[in-house]
Amino acid sequence: MRRSVSGLMFGAGTALAAAALGARGSAKAPKVYGQLDKPRWAPPAGVFGPVWSALYTAIGVSGYRLWTRRAGRTALGLHVGQLALNAAWPSAFFVARNRPLSLAVIAALDGAIVAEIATAARRDPTAARLLVPYLAWTAYATALTAAVRDSTRTRLLRRLGR
């Protein structure tokens, strides 16, 4: 019973903490996202909330399973590490508006998720499978991060002749 309670605290706690920190960094997201020159394949802004809600649920369940199945420090460390990177990306992208930094953070996030999936698969294949949609979404977000341009900055640079 204790393992289940602590697993619930770990799984839900880490996912909720990352979501809360990410939400804080995303406070400017609606305004910034609207100012970006986005590719045609970019989703409408309204898609992000429901997608992230589902992903954070799966991430939390995966964390719970890793904890309760004693997946080990490496798997749990990767879980916490990728969530820290997840929480850092919105601030890099929406607050700092630093695309190179955003790309570095999200590329590291992609790698951390891949490492977690590979590590988790040895102990709990279900926990690993729960993270696959998350990896797919962050890979898509990586491509989107690389493809967008800040239209405000682009217009300013055009006016300055650069």
N, C-alpha and C. Protein backbone atom coordinates (compact mmCIF):
# COMPACT_ATOMS: atom_id res chain seq x y z
N MET A 1 0.82 -1.20 0.00
CA MET A 1 0.00 0.00 0.00
C MET A 1 0.87 1.27 0.00
N ARG A 2 1.92 1.28 0.83
CA ARG A 2 2.80 2.45 0.88
C ARG A 2 3.44 2.71 -0.47
N ARG A 3 3.85 1.64 -1.14
CA ARG A 3 4.50 1.78 -2.45
C ARG A 3 3.52 2.41 -3.44
N SER A 4 2.26 2.03 -3.37
CA SER A 4 1.26 2.60 -4.28
C SER A 4 1.03 4.08 -4.00
N VAL A 5 0.96 4.44 -2.73
CA VAL A 5 0.76 5.85 -2.37
C VAL A 5 1.96 6.68 -2.79
N SER A 6 3.16 6.18 -2.48
CA SER A 6 4.35 6.95 -2.87
C SER A 6 4.49 6.98 -4.39
N GLY A 7 4.09 5.90 -5.06
CA GLY A 7 4.11 5.88 -6.53
C GLY A 7 3.14 6.89 -7.12
N LEU A 8 1.97 7.00 -6.50
CA LEU A 8 0.99 7.99 -6.94
C LEU A 8 1.53 9.40 -6.73
N MET A 9 2.18 9.62 -5.60
CA MET A 9 2.76 10.93 -5.33
C MET A 9 3.88 11.24 -6.33
N PHE A 10 4.70 10.24 -6.64
CA PHE A 10 5.78 10.46 -7.61
C PHE A 10 5.20 10.71 -9.01
N GLY A 11 4.35 9.81 -9.48
CA GLY A 11 3.82 9.93 -10.84
C GLY A 11 3.02 11.20 -11.04
N ALA A 12 2.05 11.41 -10.16
CA ALA A 12 1.21 12.60 -10.29
C ALA A 12 1.99 13.87 -9.94
N GLY A 13 2.79 13.78 -8.89
CA GLY A 13 3.52 14.97 -8.44
C GLY A 13 4.49 15.51 -9.47
N THR A 14 5.27 14.62 -10.10
CA THR A 14 6.24 15.08 -11.09
C THR A 14 5.54 15.62 -12.33
N ALA A 15 4.50 14.92 -12.78
CA ALA A 15 3.78 15.39 -13.97
C ALA A 15 3.08 16.72 -13.70
N LEU A 16 2.45 16.84 -12.54
CA LEU A 16 1.77 18.10 -12.21
C LEU A 16 2.75 19.25 -12.02
N ALA A 17 3.90 18.96 -11.41
CA ALA A 17 4.91 20.01 -11.24
C ALA A 17 5.40 20.50 -12.59
N ALA A 18 5.69 19.58 -13.50
CA ALA A 18 6.14 19.98 -14.84
C ALA A 18 5.05 20.75 -15.56
N ALA A 19 3.81 20.30 -15.44
CA ALA A 19 2.70 20.99 -16.09
C ALA A 19 2.54 22.40 -15.53
N ALA A 20 2.64 22.53 -14.21
CA ALA A 20 2.49 23.85 -13.59
C ALA A 20 3.61 24.80 -14.00
N LEU A 21 4.85 24.30 -13.99
CA LEU A 21 5.98 25.15 -14.41
C LEU A 21 5.87 25.49 -15.89
N GLY A 22 5.47 24.51 -16.69
CA GLY A 22 5.29 24.76 -18.12
C GLY A 22 4.18 25.77 -18.37
N ALA A 23 3.10 25.66 -17.61
CA ALA A 23 1.99 26.61 -17.76
C ALA A 23 2.43 28.02 -17.40
N ARG A 24 3.25 28.11 -16.38
CA ARG A 24 3.77 29.44 -15.99
C ARG A 24 4.60 30.04 -17.13
N GLY A 25 5.45 29.21 -17.73
CA GLY A 25 6.25 29.67 -18.87
C GLY A 25 5.43 29.91 -20.12
N SER A 26 4.22 29.33 -20.16
CA SER A 26 3.36 29.47 -21.33
C SER A 26 2.35 30.60 -21.20
N ALA A 27 2.45 31.40 -20.16
CA ALA A 27 1.48 32.47 -19.94
C ALA A 27 1.38 33.40 -21.15
N LYS A 28 2.49 33.62 -21.83
CA LYS A 28 2.49 34.49 -23.00
C LYS A 28 2.24 33.72 -24.30
N ALA A 29 2.01 32.42 -24.19
CA ALA A 29 1.90 31.57 -25.38
C ALA A 29 0.82 32.04 -26.37
N PRO A 30 -0.40 32.37 -25.94
CA PRO A 30 -1.40 32.77 -26.92
C PRO A 30 -0.96 33.97 -27.76
N LYS A 31 -0.38 34.97 -27.11
CA LYS A 31 0.07 36.16 -27.82
C LYS A 31 1.25 35.83 -28.74
N VAL A 32 2.26 35.15 -28.20
CA VAL A 32 3.46 34.83 -28.97
C VAL A 32 3.11 33.90 -30.14
N TYR A 33 2.33 32.86 -29.87
CA TYR A 33 1.98 31.90 -30.93
C TYR A 33 1.25 32.60 -32.08
N GLY A 34 0.42 33.58 -31.72
CA GLY A 34 -0.30 34.33 -32.75
C GLY A 34 0.61 35.21 -33.60
N GLN A 35 1.77 35.58 -33.07
CA GLN A 35 2.71 36.45 -33.79
C GLN A 35 3.71 35.68 -34.65
N LEU A 36 3.66 34.37 -34.58
CA LEU A 36 4.65 33.57 -35.31
C LEU A 36 4.23 33.33 -36.75
N ASP A 37 5.22 33.31 -37.64
CA ASP A 37 4.99 32.82 -39.00
C ASP A 37 5.12 31.31 -38.89
N LYS A 38 3.96 30.63 -38.99
CA LYS A 38 3.93 29.19 -38.78
C LYS A 38 3.76 28.46 -40.11
N PRO A 39 4.29 27.25 -40.20
CA PRO A 39 4.06 26.46 -41.40
C PRO A 39 2.59 26.04 -41.48
N ARG A 40 2.15 25.64 -42.65
CA ARG A 40 0.75 25.24 -42.84
C ARG A 40 0.36 24.07 -41.93
N TRP A 41 1.32 23.25 -41.56
CA TRP A 41 1.03 22.06 -40.76
C TRP A 41 1.03 22.34 -39.25
N ALA A 42 1.15 23.60 -38.87
CA ALA A 42 1.09 23.96 -37.45
C ALA A 42 -0.35 23.81 -36.96
N PRO A 43 -0.53 23.29 -35.77
CA PRO A 43 -1.90 23.13 -35.25
C PRO A 43 -2.46 24.46 -34.78
N PRO A 44 -3.79 24.57 -34.74
CA PRO A 44 -4.38 25.77 -34.13
C PRO A 44 -4.06 25.78 -32.63
N ALA A 45 -4.03 26.94 -32.05
CA ALA A 45 -3.65 27.10 -30.64
C ALA A 45 -4.51 26.26 -29.71
N GLY A 46 -5.77 26.08 -30.03
CA GLY A 46 -6.69 25.33 -29.18
C GLY A 46 -6.38 23.85 -29.03
N VAL A 47 -5.49 23.33 -29.83
CA VAL A 47 -5.14 21.91 -29.78
C VAL A 47 -4.20 21.61 -28.61
N PHE A 48 -3.37 22.56 -28.24
CA PHE A 48 -2.31 22.30 -27.27
C PHE A 48 -2.82 21.88 -25.89
N GLY A 49 -3.80 22.55 -25.37
CA GLY A 49 -4.32 22.22 -24.03
C GLY A 49 -4.81 20.79 -23.92
N PRO A 50 -5.73 20.36 -24.78
CA PRO A 50 -6.20 18.97 -24.69
C PRO A 50 -5.10 17.93 -24.93
N VAL A 51 -4.20 18.21 -25.87
CA VAL A 51 -3.11 17.25 -26.13
C VAL A 51 -2.22 17.13 -24.90
N TRP A 52 -1.82 18.26 -24.33
CA TRP A 52 -0.93 18.20 -23.17
C TRP A 52 -1.62 17.59 -21.97
N SER A 53 -2.91 17.81 -21.81
CA SER A 53 -3.64 17.17 -20.69
C SER A 53 -3.56 15.65 -20.81
N ALA A 54 -3.79 15.13 -22.00
CA ALA A 54 -3.71 13.68 -22.22
C ALA A 54 -2.28 13.18 -22.03
N LEU A 55 -1.31 13.93 -22.54
CA LEU A 55 0.09 13.50 -22.42
C LEU A 55 0.55 13.50 -20.97
N TYR A 56 0.21 14.54 -20.21
CA TYR A 56 0.62 14.58 -18.80
C TYR A 56 -0.03 13.45 -18.00
N THR A 57 -1.24 13.08 -18.37
CA THR A 57 -1.88 11.94 -17.71
C THR A 57 -1.08 10.67 -17.97
N ALA A 58 -0.72 10.44 -19.23
CA ALA A 58 0.07 9.25 -19.57
C ALA A 58 1.45 9.28 -18.92
N ILE A 59 2.07 10.45 -18.88
CA ILE A 59 3.38 10.60 -18.24
C ILE A 59 3.26 10.27 -16.75
N GLY A 60 2.21 10.77 -16.11
CA GLY A 60 1.99 10.49 -14.69
C GLY A 60 1.77 9.01 -14.43
N VAL A 61 0.98 8.35 -15.26
CA VAL A 61 0.74 6.91 -15.10
C VAL A 61 2.04 6.14 -15.32
N SER A 62 2.80 6.56 -16.30
CA SER A 62 4.09 5.91 -16.55
C SER A 62 5.01 6.07 -15.34
N GLY A 63 5.08 7.27 -14.79
CA GLY A 63 5.90 7.49 -13.60
C GLY A 63 5.44 6.65 -12.42
N TYR A 64 4.13 6.56 -12.25
CA TYR A 64 3.57 5.71 -11.19
C TYR A 64 4.00 4.26 -11.37
N ARG A 65 3.89 3.77 -12.59
CA ARG A 65 4.28 2.37 -12.87
C ARG A 65 5.77 2.16 -12.64
N LEU A 66 6.59 3.10 -13.06
CA LEU A 66 8.03 2.95 -12.85
C LEU A 66 8.36 2.90 -11.36
N TRP A 67 7.70 3.75 -10.60
CA TRP A 67 7.95 3.79 -9.16
C TRP A 67 7.49 2.49 -8.49
N THR A 68 6.25 2.09 -8.76
CA THR A 68 5.69 0.93 -8.06
C THR A 68 6.31 -0.39 -8.51
N ARG A 69 6.91 -0.42 -9.69
CA ARG A 69 7.57 -1.63 -10.17
C ARG A 69 9.09 -1.59 -9.94
N ARG A 70 9.49 -0.61 -9.15
CA ARG A 70 10.90 -0.48 -8.76
C ARG A 70 11.83 -0.53 -9.99
N ALA A 71 11.57 0.39 -10.89
CA ALA A 71 12.32 0.43 -12.15
C ALA A 71 13.77 0.85 -11.96
N GLY A 72 14.09 1.43 -10.85
CA GLY A 72 15.48 1.80 -10.58
C GLY A 72 15.74 3.28 -10.73
N ARG A 73 16.87 3.69 -10.18
CA ARG A 73 17.24 5.11 -10.18
C ARG A 73 17.41 5.69 -11.57
N THR A 74 17.96 4.90 -12.48
CA THR A 74 18.18 5.43 -13.83
C THR A 74 16.86 5.81 -14.48
N ALA A 75 15.89 4.90 -14.44
CA ALA A 75 14.59 5.18 -15.07
C ALA A 75 13.90 6.35 -14.38
N LEU A 76 13.92 6.37 -13.05
CA LEU A 76 13.27 7.46 -12.33
C LEU A 76 14.00 8.79 -12.55
N GLY A 77 15.32 8.73 -12.61
CA GLY A 77 16.10 9.94 -12.89
C GLY A 77 15.81 10.48 -14.29
N LEU A 78 15.70 9.59 -15.26
CA LEU A 78 15.35 10.03 -16.62
C LEU A 78 13.95 10.62 -16.65
N HIS A 79 13.05 10.03 -15.87
CA HIS A 79 11.68 10.54 -15.82
C HIS A 79 11.67 11.98 -15.30
N VAL A 80 12.35 12.20 -14.18
CA VAL A 80 12.41 13.54 -13.60
C VAL A 80 13.17 14.50 -14.53
N GLY A 81 14.25 14.02 -15.12
CA GLY A 81 15.05 14.86 -16.01
C GLY A 81 14.30 15.32 -17.24
N GLN A 82 13.56 14.39 -17.86
CA GLN A 82 12.82 14.80 -19.06
C GLN A 82 11.69 15.75 -18.68
N LEU A 83 11.10 15.56 -17.52
CA LEU A 83 10.06 16.50 -17.11
C LEU A 83 10.63 17.88 -16.79
N ALA A 84 11.85 17.94 -16.28
CA ALA A 84 12.50 19.23 -16.05
C ALA A 84 12.75 19.94 -17.37
N LEU A 85 13.20 19.20 -18.37
CA LEU A 85 13.39 19.80 -19.70
C LEU A 85 12.05 20.23 -20.29
N ASN A 86 11.03 19.41 -20.09
CA ASN A 86 9.68 19.73 -20.55
C ASN A 86 9.22 21.05 -19.95
N ALA A 87 9.47 21.23 -18.66
CA ALA A 87 9.06 22.46 -17.97
C ALA A 87 9.88 23.66 -18.41
N ALA A 88 11.12 23.44 -18.83
CA ALA A 88 12.00 24.54 -19.22
C ALA A 88 11.69 25.09 -20.62
N TRP A 89 11.18 24.24 -21.50
CA TRP A 89 11.00 24.67 -22.89
C TRP A 89 10.07 25.88 -23.04
N PRO A 90 8.90 25.92 -22.41
CA PRO A 90 8.03 27.09 -22.62
C PRO A 90 8.69 28.42 -22.25
N SER A 91 9.49 28.44 -21.20
CA SER A 91 10.17 29.69 -20.84
C SER A 91 11.20 30.08 -21.90
N ALA A 92 11.91 29.10 -22.42
CA ALA A 92 12.90 29.39 -23.47
C ALA A 92 12.22 29.90 -24.73
N PHE A 93 11.08 29.31 -25.07
CA PHE A 93 10.42 29.66 -26.33
C PHE A 93 9.52 30.88 -26.20
N PHE A 94 8.63 30.88 -25.20
CA PHE A 94 7.62 31.94 -25.11
C PHE A 94 8.06 33.15 -24.30
N VAL A 95 8.91 32.96 -23.30
CA VAL A 95 9.34 34.08 -22.47
C VAL A 95 10.62 34.69 -23.04
N ALA A 96 11.67 33.89 -23.15
CA ALA A 96 12.94 34.39 -23.67
C ALA A 96 12.87 34.62 -25.19
N ARG A 97 11.97 33.89 -25.84
CA ARG A 97 11.82 33.95 -27.31
C ARG A 97 13.16 33.69 -27.98
N ASN A 98 13.84 32.71 -27.45
CA ASN A 98 15.18 32.35 -27.91
C ASN A 98 15.08 31.01 -28.65
N ARG A 99 14.97 31.08 -29.97
CA ARG A 99 14.76 29.86 -30.75
C ARG A 99 15.94 28.90 -30.66
N PRO A 100 17.20 29.35 -30.75
CA PRO A 100 18.31 28.38 -30.61
C PRO A 100 18.28 27.66 -29.25
N LEU A 101 18.02 28.41 -28.18
CA LEU A 101 17.92 27.78 -26.87
C LEU A 101 16.74 26.82 -26.82
N SER A 102 15.61 27.25 -27.37
CA SER A 102 14.41 26.40 -27.41
C SER A 102 14.70 25.09 -28.15
N LEU A 103 15.40 25.20 -29.27
CA LEU A 103 15.73 24.00 -30.03
C LEU A 103 16.68 23.09 -29.24
N ALA A 104 17.63 23.67 -28.54
CA ALA A 104 18.55 22.86 -27.73
C ALA A 104 17.79 22.14 -26.61
N VAL A 105 16.89 22.85 -25.94
CA VAL A 105 16.13 22.25 -24.85
C VAL A 105 15.24 21.13 -25.37
N ILE A 106 14.53 21.38 -26.47
CA ILE A 106 13.60 20.36 -26.95
C ILE A 106 14.34 19.17 -27.57
N ALA A 107 15.50 19.40 -28.16
CA ALA A 107 16.30 18.28 -28.66
C ALA A 107 16.78 17.41 -27.50
N ALA A 108 17.20 18.06 -26.42
CA ALA A 108 17.60 17.32 -25.22
C ALA A 108 16.40 16.56 -24.64
N LEU A 109 15.23 17.19 -24.67
CA LEU A 109 14.01 16.54 -24.20
C LEU A 109 13.72 15.29 -25.03
N ASP A 110 13.81 15.42 -26.35
CA ASP A 110 13.58 14.25 -27.22
C ASP A 110 14.53 13.11 -26.84
N GLY A 111 15.79 13.44 -26.66
CA GLY A 111 16.78 12.42 -26.30
C GLY A 111 16.50 11.80 -24.95
N ALA A 112 16.08 12.61 -23.99
CA ALA A 112 15.78 12.09 -22.65
C ALA A 112 14.56 11.17 -22.68
N ILE A 113 13.57 11.51 -23.49
CA ILE A 113 12.39 10.65 -23.60
C ILE A 113 12.77 9.32 -24.25
N VAL A 114 13.58 9.37 -25.30
CA VAL A 114 14.04 8.13 -25.94
C VAL A 114 14.79 7.27 -24.93
N ALA A 115 15.67 7.88 -24.17
CA ALA A 115 16.44 7.14 -23.16
C ALA A 115 15.51 6.55 -22.09
N GLU A 116 14.52 7.32 -21.67
CA GLU A 116 13.58 6.81 -20.66
C GLU A 116 12.78 5.64 -21.22
N ILE A 117 12.29 5.77 -22.44
CA ILE A 117 11.53 4.67 -23.05
C ILE A 117 12.39 3.40 -23.12
N ALA A 118 13.62 3.54 -23.58
CA ALA A 118 14.52 2.39 -23.70
C ALA A 118 14.79 1.76 -22.33
N THR A 119 15.01 2.59 -21.33
CA THR A 119 15.28 2.10 -19.98
C THR A 119 14.03 1.47 -19.36
N ALA A 120 12.90 2.13 -19.52
CA ALA A 120 11.65 1.64 -18.94
C ALA A 120 11.21 0.34 -19.59
N ALA A 121 11.47 0.17 -20.87
CA ALA A 121 11.02 -1.03 -21.59
C ALA A 121 11.58 -2.30 -20.97
N ARG A 122 12.73 -2.22 -20.37
CA ARG A 122 13.34 -3.41 -19.74
C ARG A 122 12.62 -3.81 -18.46
N ARG A 123 12.05 -2.84 -17.76
CA ARG A 123 11.39 -3.11 -16.48
C ARG A 123 9.88 -3.16 -16.58
N ASP A 124 9.32 -2.29 -17.40
CA ASP A 124 7.87 -2.20 -17.53
C ASP A 124 7.52 -1.72 -18.94
N PRO A 125 7.32 -2.65 -19.86
CA PRO A 125 7.01 -2.26 -21.24
C PRO A 125 5.77 -1.36 -21.36
N THR A 126 4.81 -1.53 -20.48
CA THR A 126 3.61 -0.67 -20.53
C THR A 126 3.98 0.77 -20.20
N ALA A 127 4.81 0.97 -19.19
CA ALA A 127 5.26 2.32 -18.85
C ALA A 127 5.98 2.95 -20.04
N ALA A 128 6.78 2.16 -20.73
CA ALA A 128 7.50 2.66 -21.91
C ALA A 128 6.51 3.03 -23.02
N ARG A 129 5.54 2.18 -23.27
CA ARG A 129 4.55 2.44 -24.34
C ARG A 129 3.72 3.69 -24.05
N LEU A 130 3.47 3.95 -22.78
CA LEU A 130 2.71 5.15 -22.41
C LEU A 130 3.43 6.43 -22.82
N LEU A 131 4.74 6.36 -22.97
CA LEU A 131 5.53 7.55 -23.32
C LEU A 131 5.70 7.74 -24.83
N VAL A 132 5.30 6.77 -25.62
CA VAL A 132 5.49 6.87 -27.08
C VAL A 132 4.69 8.04 -27.68
N PRO A 133 3.42 8.24 -27.33
CA PRO A 133 2.73 9.42 -27.88
C PRO A 133 3.39 10.74 -27.48
N TYR A 134 3.93 10.79 -26.30
CA TYR A 134 4.66 11.96 -25.80
C TYR A 134 5.88 12.21 -26.67
N LEU A 135 6.63 11.17 -26.97
CA LEU A 135 7.79 11.30 -27.86
C LEU A 135 7.35 11.77 -29.24
N ALA A 136 6.27 11.21 -29.76
CA ALA A 136 5.78 11.62 -31.08
C ALA A 136 5.41 13.11 -31.07
N TRP A 137 4.73 13.55 -30.03
CA TRP A 137 4.33 14.96 -29.94
C TRP A 137 5.55 15.87 -29.80
N THR A 138 6.52 15.50 -28.98
CA THR A 138 7.69 16.36 -28.83
C THR A 138 8.55 16.37 -30.09
N ALA A 139 8.57 15.27 -30.83
CA ALA A 139 9.29 15.27 -32.12
C ALA A 139 8.60 16.24 -33.08
N TYR A 140 7.28 16.22 -33.10
CA TYR A 140 6.50 17.15 -33.91
C TYR A 140 6.76 18.59 -33.43
N ALA A 141 6.77 18.80 -32.12
CA ALA A 141 7.04 20.13 -31.56
C ALA A 141 8.46 20.60 -31.88
N THR A 142 9.39 19.66 -31.96
CA THR A 142 10.76 20.00 -32.34
C THR A 142 10.79 20.54 -33.76
N ALA A 143 10.11 19.83 -34.66
CA ALA A 143 10.04 20.28 -36.06
C ALA A 143 9.35 21.64 -36.15
N LEU A 144 8.29 21.81 -35.38
CA LEU A 144 7.57 23.09 -35.37
C LEU A 144 8.45 24.21 -34.82
N THR A 145 9.17 23.94 -33.76
CA THR A 145 10.09 24.94 -33.18
C THR A 145 11.12 25.37 -34.21
N ALA A 146 11.61 24.42 -34.97
CA ALA A 146 12.61 24.74 -36.00
C ALA A 146 12.00 25.52 -37.16
N ALA A 147 10.72 25.32 -37.42
CA ALA A 147 10.09 25.90 -38.61
C ALA A 147 9.50 27.29 -38.40
N VAL A 148 9.13 27.64 -37.18
CA VAL A 148 8.45 28.93 -36.95
C VAL A 148 9.43 30.09 -36.98
N ARG A 149 8.89 31.22 -37.32
CA ARG A 149 9.64 32.48 -37.30
C ARG A 149 8.79 33.49 -36.56
N ASP A 150 9.43 34.37 -35.85
CA ASP A 150 8.74 35.45 -35.15
C ASP A 150 8.41 36.52 -36.17
N SER A 151 7.14 36.65 -36.51
CA SER A 151 6.76 37.59 -37.56
C SER A 151 7.02 39.04 -37.16
N THR A 152 6.92 39.36 -35.86
CA THR A 152 7.21 40.72 -35.41
C THR A 152 8.68 41.05 -35.68
N ARG A 153 9.56 40.14 -35.30
CA ARG A 153 10.99 40.35 -35.53
C ARG A 153 11.30 40.36 -37.03
N THR A 154 10.67 39.44 -37.78
CA THR A 154 10.89 39.37 -39.22
C THR A 154 10.50 40.68 -39.89
N ARG A 155 9.34 41.24 -39.50
CA ARG A 155 8.90 42.52 -40.07
C ARG A 155 9.87 43.64 -39.72
N LEU A 156 10.34 43.66 -38.48
CA LEU A 156 11.29 44.69 -38.05
C LEU A 156 12.58 44.59 -38.85
N LEU A 157 13.09 43.38 -39.01
CA LEU A 157 14.34 43.20 -39.77
C LEU A 157 14.15 43.60 -41.23
N ARG A 158 12.98 43.31 -41.79
CA ARG A 158 12.71 43.72 -43.18
C ARG A 158 12.71 45.24 -43.30
N ARG A 159 12.12 45.90 -42.30
CA ARG A 159 12.08 47.36 -42.32
C ARG A 159 13.47 47.95 -42.21
N LEU A 160 14.34 47.27 -41.46
CA LEU A 160 15.72 47.75 -41.30
C LEU A 160 16.61 47.34 -42.46
N GLY A 161 16.08 46.56 -43.39
CA GLY A 161 16.84 46.15 -44.56
C GLY A 161 17.80 45.02 -44.31
N ARG A 162 17.51 44.17 -43.32
CA ARG A 162 18.39 43.03 -43.01
C ARG A 162 17.78 41.75 -43.42
